[in-house]
Protein backbone atom coordinates (compact mmCIF):
# COMPACT_ATOMS: atom_id res chain seq x y z
CA MET A 1 -0.20 29.31 10.98
CA THR A 2 -0.21 29.49 7.18
CA LEU A 3 -3.04 28.17 5.02
CA VAL A 4 -0.98 25.23 3.70
CA GLN A 5 -0.52 23.93 7.23
CA ASN A 6 -4.27 23.31 7.36
CA PHE A 7 -4.19 21.12 4.26
CA PRO A 8 -3.66 17.74 5.99
CA PHE A 9 -6.82 18.31 8.03
CA PHE A 10 -8.70 19.64 5.01
CA SER A 11 -7.67 16.61 2.97
CA ILE A 12 -9.07 14.13 5.49
CA ILE A 13 -12.30 16.08 5.94
CA ILE A 14 -12.85 16.65 2.20
CA ALA A 15 -12.47 12.93 1.49
CA MET A 16 -14.83 12.02 4.31
CA PHE A 17 -17.50 14.56 3.41
CA SER A 18 -17.31 13.46 -0.23
CA GLY A 19 -18.54 10.07 0.94
CA ILE A 20 -21.39 11.67 2.87
CA ILE A 21 -22.42 13.78 -0.14
CA SER A 22 -22.18 10.79 -2.48
CA SER A 23 -24.75 8.89 -0.42
CA VAL A 24 -27.57 11.00 -1.96
CA LEU A 25 -26.16 11.13 -5.50
CA THR A 26 -26.39 8.86 -8.52
CA GLY A 27 -23.46 6.65 -9.49
CA LYS A 28 -22.10 9.02 -12.12
CA GLN A 29 -22.47 12.03 -9.85
CA ALA A 30 -20.73 10.17 -7.03
CA LYS A 31 -17.93 9.28 -9.45
CA ASN A 32 -17.39 12.95 -10.29
CA VAL A 33 -17.41 13.94 -6.62
CA SER A 34 -14.87 11.21 -5.76
CA LEU A 35 -12.54 12.11 -8.60
CA GLY A 36 -12.77 15.78 -7.66
CA ALA A 37 -11.97 14.98 -4.02
CA ILE A 38 -8.96 12.87 -5.02
CA LEU A 39 -7.63 15.64 -7.28
CA ILE A 40 -8.06 18.25 -4.54
CA THR A 41 -6.31 16.08 -1.94
CA THR A 42 -3.54 15.36 -4.45
CA ALA A 43 -2.93 19.09 -4.90
CA MET A 44 -3.03 19.66 -1.15
CA SER A 45 -0.60 16.80 -0.50
CA GLY A 46 1.79 18.26 -3.06
CA ALA A 47 1.52 21.66 -1.35
CA VAL A 48 2.26 20.11 2.07
CA LEU A 49 5.30 18.30 0.63
CA SER A 50 6.57 21.51 -0.98
CA TYR A 51 6.07 23.46 2.25
CA CYS A 52 7.92 20.92 4.41
CA LEU A 53 10.76 20.64 1.90
CA GLY A 54 11.06 24.42 1.92
CA THR A 55 11.08 24.78 5.71
CA GLY A 56 13.06 21.59 6.38
CA GLN A 57 10.87 20.91 9.41
CA SER A 58 7.73 19.04 10.37
CA TYR A 59 4.84 20.66 12.21
CA THR A 60 1.82 19.67 14.27
CA TYR A 61 -1.77 20.86 13.81
CA MET A 62 -3.93 21.01 16.93
CA MET A 63 -7.47 19.70 16.51
CA GLY A 64 -9.98 21.80 18.43
CA HIS A 65 -9.08 23.87 21.48
CA PHE A 66 -7.30 21.36 23.68
CA PRO A 67 -3.49 21.17 23.48
CA ALA A 68 -1.32 18.13 24.09
CA PRO A 69 -1.41 15.82 25.93
CA TRP A 70 -5.24 15.89 26.10
CA GLY A 71 -6.18 17.02 22.61
CA ASN A 72 -5.86 15.46 19.19
CA GLU A 73 -3.14 16.36 16.73
CA ILE A 74 -2.15 15.97 13.11
CA ARG A 75 1.53 15.92 12.21
CA ALA A 76 2.97 16.65 8.77
CA GLY A 77 6.52 16.40 7.48
CA VAL A 78 8.37 15.55 4.30
CA LEU A 79 7.66 11.83 4.52
CA GLU A 80 3.98 12.30 5.29
CA GLY A 81 3.54 14.73 2.39
CA LEU A 82 5.42 12.49 -0.03
CA THR A 83 3.46 9.39 0.98
CA ALA A 84 0.11 11.19 0.80
CA LEU A 85 0.95 12.57 -2.64
CA LEU A 86 1.90 9.16 -4.03
CA PHE A 87 -1.15 7.47 -2.49
CA CYS A 88 -3.50 10.08 -4.00
CA ILE A 89 -1.92 9.71 -7.44
CA VAL A 90 -2.16 5.90 -7.35
CA MET A 91 -5.76 6.03 -6.15
CA PHE A 92 -6.79 8.48 -8.88
CA LEU A 93 -5.19 6.39 -11.63
CA SER A 94 -6.67 3.18 -10.19
CA VAL A 95 -10.18 4.65 -10.20
CA ILE A 96 -9.74 5.94 -13.76
CA GLY A 97 -8.15 2.73 -15.03
CA GLY A 98 -10.94 0.47 -13.81
CA MET A 99 -13.82 2.89 -14.39
CA ARG A 100 -15.67 0.96 -17.09
CA HIS A 101 -15.47 -2.31 -15.18
CA THR A 102 -16.76 -0.56 -12.07
CA PHE A 103 -19.99 0.41 -13.84
CA GLU A 104 -20.26 -3.06 -15.41
CA ASP A 105 -19.53 -5.11 -12.27
CA VAL A 106 -21.55 -3.06 -9.78
CA GLU A 107 -25.34 -2.75 -9.82
CA ASP A 108 -26.59 0.68 -10.86
CA LEU A 109 -28.28 1.30 -7.52
CA LYS A 110 -25.06 0.52 -5.66
CA THR A 111 -22.53 2.37 -7.80
CA ASN A 112 -22.64 5.40 -5.51
CA LEU A 113 -21.93 3.04 -2.59
CA PHE A 114 -18.74 1.93 -4.37
CA PHE A 115 -17.53 5.52 -4.56
CA ILE A 116 -18.52 6.13 -0.95
CA MET A 117 -16.13 3.30 -0.06
CA ILE A 118 -13.45 4.91 -2.23
CA ASP A 119 -13.90 8.21 -0.38
CA LEU A 120 -13.75 6.53 3.03
CA MET A 121 -10.67 4.58 1.97
CA LEU A 122 -8.93 7.77 0.87
CA SER A 123 -9.88 9.55 4.09
CA SER A 124 -8.65 6.68 6.28
CA LEU A 125 -5.35 6.35 4.41
CA LEU A 126 -4.67 10.07 4.75
CA ALA A 127 -5.55 9.90 8.45
CA LEU A 128 -3.15 6.99 9.01
CA ILE A 129 -0.43 9.03 7.32
CA TYR A 130 -1.02 12.31 9.15
CA THR A 131 -2.44 11.45 12.57
CA ASN A 132 -0.35 12.04 15.67
CA ASP A 133 -2.85 10.29 17.95
CA LEU A 134 -2.87 6.53 18.50
CA PHE A 135 -6.58 6.11 19.18
CA THR A 136 -7.46 8.19 16.12
CA ALA A 137 -5.20 5.84 14.18
CA TYR A 138 -7.19 2.86 15.50
CA VAL A 139 -10.50 4.49 14.52
CA PHE A 140 -9.34 5.02 10.97
CA VAL A 141 -7.85 1.51 10.84
CA GLU A 142 -11.40 0.26 11.41
CA ILE A 143 -12.84 2.66 8.82
CA ASN A 144 -10.21 1.39 6.40
CA THR A 145 -11.18 -2.21 7.14
CA ILE A 146 -14.90 -1.58 6.59
CA ALA A 147 -14.27 0.34 3.37
CA GLY A 148 -11.97 -2.41 2.10
CA CYS A 149 -14.55 -5.09 2.88
CA GLY A 150 -17.21 -3.08 1.05
CA LEU A 151 -15.00 -2.72 -2.02
CA ILE A 152 -14.44 -6.48 -2.12
CA MET A 153 -18.03 -7.68 -1.74
CA ILE A 154 -19.78 -5.03 -3.83
CA ARG A 155 -19.59 -7.27 -6.92
CA GLN A 156 -22.02 -9.60 -5.09
CA LYS A 157 -20.62 -12.82 -6.47
CA GLY A 158 -19.95 -15.98 -4.50
CA ARG A 159 -16.18 -15.73 -4.48
CA SER A 160 -16.38 -12.02 -3.63
CA PHE A 161 -18.49 -12.75 -0.56
CA THR A 162 -16.08 -15.48 0.52
CA ALA A 163 -13.10 -13.18 0.02
CA ALA A 164 -14.80 -10.37 1.97
CA ILE A 165 -15.59 -12.66 4.91
CA ARG A 166 -12.02 -13.97 5.02
CA TYR A 167 -10.68 -10.43 4.76
CA MET A 168 -12.93 -9.24 7.57
CA ILE A 169 -11.98 -12.11 9.88
CA MET A 170 -8.24 -11.64 9.41
CA SER A 171 -8.51 -7.86 9.56
CA GLN A 172 -10.50 -7.94 12.79
CA LEU A 173 -7.94 -10.30 14.29
CA GLY A 174 -5.21 -7.82 13.41
CA SER A 175 -7.28 -4.86 14.61
CA GLY A 176 -8.01 -6.61 17.90
CA LEU A 177 -4.35 -7.25 18.59
CA PHE A 178 -3.52 -3.66 17.65
CA LEU A 179 -6.18 -2.35 20.05
CA ILE A 180 -4.88 -4.59 22.86
CA GLY A 181 -1.42 -3.18 22.26
CA LEU A 182 -2.71 0.41 22.39
CA THR A 183 -4.67 -0.34 25.57
CA LEU A 184 -1.59 -1.72 27.30
CA LEU A 185 0.50 1.20 26.07
CA TYR A 186 -2.02 3.71 27.43
CA ASP A 187 -2.13 1.82 30.72
CA VAL A 188 1.67 2.04 31.04
CA THR A 189 2.29 5.55 29.70
CA GLY A 190 -1.00 7.39 30.26
CA HIS A 191 -0.81 8.98 26.82
CA LEU A 192 -2.30 8.46 23.37
CA LEU A 193 -0.56 11.29 21.54
CA MET A 194 2.62 9.98 19.99
CA SER A 195 5.12 12.57 21.25
CA PRO A 196 4.10 12.48 24.95
CA ALA A 197 3.86 8.68 24.73
CA LYS A 198 7.45 8.51 23.45
CA GLU A 199 8.64 10.69 26.32
CA ALA A 200 6.92 8.37 28.78
CA VAL A 201 8.40 5.29 27.07
CA SER A 202 11.88 6.87 27.28
CA ALA A 203 11.40 7.49 31.00
CA ILE A 204 10.26 3.91 31.52
CA GLU A 205 13.26 2.54 29.65
CA ALA A 206 15.63 4.78 31.63
CA ALA A 207 14.14 3.53 34.90
CA GLY A 208 14.37 -0.09 33.75
CA SER A 209 10.76 -0.82 34.66
CA TYR A 210 7.93 -2.49 32.76
CA GLU A 211 10.37 -4.46 30.58
CA ILE A 212 8.03 -7.40 29.98
CA PRO A 213 4.89 -5.27 29.41
CA MET A 214 6.77 -3.08 26.92
CA LEU A 215 7.98 -6.16 25.05
CA VAL A 216 4.41 -7.49 24.94
CA ILE A 217 3.14 -4.14 23.67
CA LEU A 218 5.73 -4.08 20.91
CA ALA A 219 5.02 -7.68 19.89
CA VAL A 220 1.22 -7.34 19.91
CA ILE A 221 1.21 -4.11 17.88
CA SER A 222 3.71 -5.52 15.39
CA VAL A 223 1.80 -8.77 14.90
CA GLY A 224 -1.54 -6.97 14.60
CA LEU A 225 -0.36 -4.64 11.84
CA ALA A 226 1.61 -7.45 10.18
CA ILE A 227 -1.62 -9.47 9.90
CA LYS A 228 -3.47 -6.51 8.43
CA SER A 229 -0.72 -5.81 5.90
CA GLY A 230 -0.49 -9.46 4.78
CA LEU A 231 2.96 -10.47 5.99
CA TYR A 232 3.65 -14.17 5.47
CA PRO A 233 2.32 -16.44 7.04
CA PHE A 234 -0.67 -14.14 7.72
CA HIS A 235 -1.36 -13.83 3.99
CA SER A 236 -4.18 -16.31 3.44
CA TRP A 237 -6.74 -13.58 2.73
CA ILE A 238 -4.71 -11.89 -0.03
CA PRO A 239 -5.24 -14.17 -3.11
CA ASP A 240 -9.05 -14.12 -3.02
CA THR A 241 -9.23 -10.50 -1.87
CA TYR A 242 -7.09 -9.13 -4.68
CA GLY A 243 -8.17 -11.71 -7.22
CA TYR A 244 -11.96 -11.42 -7.10
CA ALA A 245 -12.60 -7.74 -6.43
CA THR A 246 -13.25 -5.18 -9.18
CA PRO A 247 -10.08 -4.00 -10.99
CA THR A 248 -10.12 -0.65 -9.21
CA ALA A 249 -10.60 -2.29 -5.82
CA SER A 250 -7.83 -4.81 -6.52
CA ALA A 251 -5.41 -2.04 -7.50
CA ILE A 252 -6.23 0.03 -4.41
CA LEU A 253 -6.23 -2.87 -1.97
CA SER A 254 -2.94 -4.29 -3.24
CA GLY A 255 -1.21 -0.98 -3.90
CA LEU A 256 -2.29 1.18 -0.97
CA VAL A 257 -4.14 -0.44 1.91
CA SER A 258 -1.39 -2.70 3.21
CA LYS A 259 1.10 0.17 2.82
CA GLY A 260 -1.04 2.38 5.05
CA TYR A 261 -0.73 -0.16 7.88
CA ILE A 262 3.01 -0.53 7.32
CA PHE A 263 3.44 3.25 7.38
CA LEU A 264 1.56 3.38 10.67
CA LEU A 265 3.80 0.65 12.11
CA ILE A 266 6.91 2.62 11.09
CA LYS A 267 5.50 5.75 12.75
CA ILE A 268 4.90 3.83 15.97
CA PHE A 269 8.41 2.38 15.88
CA TYR A 270 9.97 5.81 15.48
CA ARG A 271 7.59 8.22 17.16
CA VAL A 272 6.22 6.15 20.06
CA LEU A 273 8.34 3.17 21.03
CA GLY A 274 11.67 4.53 19.82
CA ARG A 275 13.79 2.94 17.10
CA GLU A 276 16.59 2.04 19.53
CA ASN A 277 14.13 0.25 21.83
CA VAL A 278 12.64 -1.67 18.92
CA ILE A 279 16.08 -2.82 17.77
CA ALA A 280 17.11 -3.75 21.32
CA SER A 281 13.97 -5.87 21.71
CA ARG A 282 15.08 -8.07 18.78
CA ILE A 283 11.58 -7.87 17.26
CA VAL A 284 13.23 -6.66 14.06
CA ASN A 285 14.93 -10.05 13.78
CA VAL A 286 11.54 -11.76 13.76
CA LEU A 287 10.23 -9.36 11.11
CA PHE A 288 13.40 -9.98 9.11
CA LEU A 289 12.89 -13.76 9.12
CA PHE A 290 9.19 -13.54 8.21
CA GLY A 291 10.08 -11.03 5.50
CA LEU A 292 12.59 -13.44 3.96
CA ALA A 293 10.08 -16.27 4.17
CA GLY A 294 7.44 -14.13 2.46
CA MET A 295 9.84 -13.17 -0.34
CA ILE A 296 10.41 -16.84 -1.18
CA MET A 297 7.09 -18.50 -0.38
CA GLY A 298 4.98 -15.80 -2.02
CA SER A 299 6.93 -16.31 -5.25
CA VAL A 300 6.66 -20.10 -5.00
CA HIS A 301 2.86 -19.88 -4.64
CA ALA A 302 2.74 -17.45 -7.58
CA ILE A 303 4.62 -19.92 -9.79
CA LEU A 304 2.12 -22.68 -8.94
CA GLU A 305 -0.95 -20.58 -9.80
CA LYS A 306 -2.84 -21.08 -13.05
CA ASP A 307 -5.14 -18.08 -12.56
CA THR A 308 -3.17 -14.93 -13.39
CA ARG A 309 -5.19 -12.78 -10.98
CA ARG A 310 -4.14 -14.97 -8.07
CA MET A 311 -0.60 -15.08 -9.43
CA ILE A 312 -0.39 -11.28 -9.27
CA ALA A 313 -1.93 -11.40 -5.78
CA TYR A 314 0.63 -13.90 -4.51
CA SER A 315 3.32 -11.63 -5.92
CA SER A 316 2.13 -9.05 -3.40
CA VAL A 317 2.92 -11.49 -0.59
CA ALA A 318 6.50 -11.63 -1.84
CA GLN A 319 6.77 -7.85 -2.21
CA ILE A 320 5.40 -7.22 1.28
CA GLY A 321 8.10 -9.62 2.44
CA TYR A 322 10.68 -7.32 0.86
CA ILE A 323 9.36 -4.38 2.86
CA TYR A 324 9.45 -6.22 6.18
CA MET A 325 12.88 -7.60 5.36
CA GLY A 326 14.12 -4.01 4.96
CA ILE A 327 12.51 -3.00 8.26
CA GLY A 328 14.05 -6.06 9.88
CA LEU A 329 17.56 -5.01 8.89
CA GLY A 330 17.32 -2.58 11.78
CA THR A 331 19.23 0.26 10.14
CA GLN A 332 18.19 3.70 8.93
CA ALA A 333 19.24 2.76 5.40
CA GLY A 334 17.15 -0.41 5.59
CA MET A 335 14.10 1.63 6.59
CA VAL A 336 14.69 4.01 3.67
CA ALA A 337 14.89 1.02 1.30
CA ALA A 338 11.70 -0.45 2.79
CA ILE A 339 9.76 2.80 2.36
CA PHE A 340 11.03 3.27 -1.19
CA HIS A 341 9.86 -0.27 -1.98
CA MET A 342 6.47 0.67 -0.52
CA PHE A 343 6.28 3.38 -3.16
CA THR A 344 7.56 1.02 -5.85
CA HIS A 345 5.03 -1.65 -5.03
CA SER A 346 2.15 0.84 -4.78
CA ALA A 347 2.78 2.17 -8.28
CA THR A 348 3.76 -1.12 -9.92
CA LYS A 349 1.14 -3.47 -8.51
CA ALA A 350 -1.65 -1.04 -9.40
CA LEU A 351 -0.17 -0.89 -12.92
CA LEU A 352 -0.24 -4.70 -13.16
CA PHE A 353 -3.88 -5.01 -12.11
CA ILE A 354 -5.07 -2.16 -14.34
CA SER A 355 -3.08 -3.49 -17.32
CA ALA A 356 -4.39 -7.00 -16.73
CA VAL A 357 -7.94 -5.69 -17.15
CA GLY A 358 -7.20 -4.66 -20.75
CA LEU A 359 -5.67 -8.08 -21.44
CA TYR A 360 -8.66 -9.95 -20.01
CA GLU A 361 -11.07 -7.85 -22.08
CA VAL A 362 -9.48 -9.01 -25.32
CA SER A 363 -9.35 -12.63 -24.13
CA GLY A 364 -13.03 -13.22 -23.50
CA GLU A 365 -12.64 -12.21 -19.84
CA ARG A 366 -10.64 -15.41 -19.23
CA LYS A 367 -7.68 -15.24 -16.89
CA ASP A 368 -5.76 -18.48 -17.48
CA TYR A 369 -2.43 -18.56 -19.30
CA ARG A 370 -3.74 -20.39 -22.35
CA SER A 371 -6.49 -17.86 -23.00
CA LEU A 372 -4.06 -14.94 -22.69
CA ARG A 373 -1.85 -16.10 -25.54
CA GLY A 374 -1.38 -13.24 -27.96
CA ALA A 375 -3.26 -10.74 -25.74
CA GLY A 376 -0.30 -8.38 -25.96
CA TYR A 377 -0.98 -8.05 -29.71
CA ARG A 378 -4.76 -7.72 -29.31
CA ASN A 379 -4.35 -4.86 -26.80
CA PRO A 380 -0.85 -3.43 -27.32
CA LEU A 381 -1.01 -0.71 -24.66
CA ALA A 382 -2.16 -3.11 -21.93
CA GLY A 383 0.56 -5.54 -23.01
CA ILE A 384 3.21 -2.84 -22.73
CA GLY A 385 1.90 -1.73 -19.36
CA PHE A 386 1.93 -5.25 -17.97
CA THR A 387 5.41 -5.87 -19.36
CA VAL A 388 6.76 -2.71 -17.74
CA GLY A 389 5.18 -3.67 -14.42
CA ALA A 390 6.52 -7.23 -14.64
CA LEU A 391 10.03 -6.07 -15.52
CA SER A 392 9.93 -3.61 -12.63
CA MET A 393 9.01 -6.38 -10.19
CA VAL A 394 11.85 -8.52 -11.54
CA GLY A 395 14.30 -5.62 -11.15
CA PHE A 396 14.99 -4.44 -14.68
CA PRO A 397 17.30 -1.36 -14.86
CA MET A 398 15.71 2.09 -15.24
CA LEU A 399 12.54 0.91 -13.49
CA SER A 400 11.62 1.48 -9.85
CA GLY A 401 11.95 -2.18 -8.86
CA PHE A 402 15.62 -2.15 -9.84
CA ILE A 403 16.29 0.77 -7.49
CA SER A 404 14.47 -1.03 -4.65
CA LYS A 405 16.59 -4.15 -4.99
CA LEU A 406 19.75 -2.11 -5.37
CA LEU A 407 18.93 -0.25 -2.15
CA PHE A 408 18.25 -3.51 -0.31
CA ALA A 409 21.52 -5.03 -1.55
CA THR A 410 23.67 -2.02 -0.61
CA THR A 411 21.91 -1.70 2.74
CA ALA A 412 22.59 -5.35 3.54
CA LEU A 413 26.32 -4.61 3.41
CA GLN A 414 25.88 -2.44 6.52
CA SER A 415 24.48 -5.39 8.50
CA PRO A 416 27.24 -8.04 8.74
CA HIS A 417 25.06 -10.64 10.50
CA LYS A 418 22.19 -10.25 8.04
CA MET A 419 24.16 -9.58 4.88
CA MET A 420 24.32 -13.12 3.48
CA PRO A 421 20.67 -14.05 4.20
CA THR A 422 19.55 -10.78 2.61
CA LEU A 423 21.66 -11.18 -0.53
CA ILE A 424 20.72 -14.84 -0.95
CA GLY A 425 17.04 -14.02 -0.39
CA LEU A 426 17.18 -11.22 -2.95
CA ALA A 427 18.86 -13.47 -5.51
CA VAL A 428 16.47 -16.39 -5.04
CA SER A 429 13.40 -14.17 -4.99
CA THR A 430 14.52 -12.31 -8.11
CA VAL A 431 14.96 -15.58 -10.01
CA LEU A 432 11.51 -16.75 -8.88
CA ASN A 433 9.99 -13.38 -9.84
CA ALA A 434 11.48 -13.76 -13.30
CA VAL A 435 10.02 -17.27 -13.63
CA TYR A 436 6.37 -16.34 -13.15
CA PHE A 437 6.35 -12.78 -14.48
CA LEU A 438 8.39 -13.39 -17.61
CA ARG A 439 6.45 -16.59 -18.28
CA LEU A 440 3.27 -14.53 -18.46
CA VAL A 441 4.93 -11.81 -20.54
CA ILE A 442 6.13 -14.44 -23.03
CA THR A 443 2.61 -15.88 -23.08
CA LEU A 444 1.15 -12.46 -23.91
CA TYR A 445 3.37 -12.27 -26.99
CA THR A 446 2.99 -15.87 -28.09
CA LYS A 447 0.63 -15.83 -31.05
CA SER A 448 -2.46 -17.97 -30.71
CA GLY A 449 -3.97 -19.80 -33.65
CA GLU A 450 -7.50 -19.00 -32.49
CA ALA A 451 -9.41 -16.28 -34.29
CA GLY A 452 -10.65 -13.47 -32.11
CA GLY A 453 -11.98 -10.66 -34.24
CA GLU A 454 -14.75 -9.54 -31.88
CA ILE A 455 -12.74 -9.65 -28.70
CA ARG A 456 -9.79 -8.01 -30.47
CA ALA A 457 -11.91 -5.00 -31.38
CA ALA A 458 -13.25 -4.75 -27.85
CA GLY A 459 -9.97 -3.56 -26.42
CA PHE A 460 -9.56 -0.29 -28.26
CA ASP A 461 -12.32 1.91 -26.87
CA ARG A 462 -10.97 2.04 -23.33
CA LYS A 463 -9.54 5.55 -23.22
CA GLU A 464 -9.57 5.81 -19.43
CA ASN A 465 -7.79 2.49 -19.02
CA GLY A 466 -5.16 3.43 -21.59
CA ALA A 467 -4.57 6.84 -20.04
CA ALA A 468 -4.14 5.29 -16.58
CA ILE A 469 -1.66 2.72 -17.94
CA CYS A 470 0.42 5.44 -19.60
CA CYS A 471 0.51 7.51 -16.40
CA PHE A 472 1.46 4.48 -14.32
CA ILE A 473 4.32 3.72 -16.72
CA LEU A 474 5.56 7.31 -16.43
CA LEU A 475 5.32 7.12 -12.63
CA ASN A 476 7.34 3.92 -12.63
CA LEU A 477 9.98 5.45 -14.87
CA PHE A 478 10.10 8.54 -12.66
CA LEU A 479 10.74 6.45 -9.55
CA GLY A 480 13.41 4.53 -11.45
CA LEU A 481 15.22 7.35 -13.22
CA MET A 482 14.70 10.10 -10.62
CA SER A 483 15.10 7.94 -7.54
CA GLN A 484 17.78 10.01 -5.81
CA PRO A 485 15.53 12.98 -4.87
CA VAL A 486 12.85 10.55 -3.68
CA VAL A 487 15.32 8.55 -1.59
CA GLN A 488 16.73 11.76 -0.12
CA ALA A 489 13.23 12.99 0.74
CA ILE A 490 12.50 9.68 2.49
CA ALA A 491 15.74 9.96 4.49
CA ASP A 492 14.96 13.56 5.43
CA GLY A 493 11.44 12.60 6.46
CA LEU A 494 12.69 9.77 8.67
CA ALA A 495 15.14 12.15 10.30
CA MET A 496 12.15 14.34 11.23
CA PHE A 497 10.49 11.34 12.90
CA ASP A 498 13.16 11.16 15.63
């Protein structure tokens, strides 16, 4: 086994031990440790991706001395490496972009705790990506939930506490359903490792037994992870969660956390239950309908919002609907489109939240439309960043969002029974996206008659925020202009799942 094949395990352990080390450090020291850990895991993820692209194969890494089916395993392939690399990049830029607000919003004595939560979040996301064991996945789902709750409530304001409680309740409901599904699956198959479990599921399907229990398992796991990822109508926790956390936490929670759960669901569909069995069960039709509903209703709620933070949060409901709509198409091309939109949304939504910070700073920290008039002139870089993110969400050419919608549209043509609903949903959702995103962009560049000399000057000493915005813009352009290699890597990675 080569050194690079150990990197998935090293990445998870480094992120976790960074949190342990940070518990005895000051806030600034913990920040440096966290940033160092993210950079190291980014390099390792890139090395894993390069290795898997070079070999054209996935591989498993045995944990400890016990082989399958009793031991624990990590599995890495092209899709895992690509997803881990993108997640690490987005997390690093999110931490950098919201750095100043982190030290302003969090008490000095608790700043290291914030970075402990960042480390645990990174570790859990990487584990969800790489793990080949279902119970290990559940353990890190719970670690992810606790870290997410800590990131929300660490501001210690009334709305933050309320948002954290709502997040915890909904997350535990989803986790409970997921655990019930895993328990039933273990009872039926006798395995927790994904590959042996899939073999057992195949044998059960061939024998024609346990049809109802297998349908229940599929439904319970799907609903549990749908709740945790915020699929409509299980989205009620999203507006407060994303709207009242620190900027870094909002960017990470909206851009990465829900995508980790969706990635896990896709792995279970392919590597445990079998894609053909999932399609035959018609559960994809249910996900398709809820995805369409989320695309429309999330945008409608966003239009009705006066607070721009909650507007951006409701936009996430719509974008998660896109992902589930792609999964619900039930085709390989639809899954590729859904995963590419996961990447698009991760990069773009983090860009929107980080850019919005710079706009709020030069608007007296007010978030309503009226107060943001002219903010694009007072902080030009933040205005450009938000505009790029908004145009990407609408589907402007050359940006990643355009490629996502193009993939969904072309994929719909391969599904005759779902073609018209998909195309109509895309058209309606795109128009609604344009209404609320372009309205805010126009507001940012509508000159206000109010003088704002002090708050105008406040926006130009944020080097970290500006650097993060620039990198996010470049990432978005890369996904838009260089989409073909990314799409091909996703397709190759999915082929390794089977």
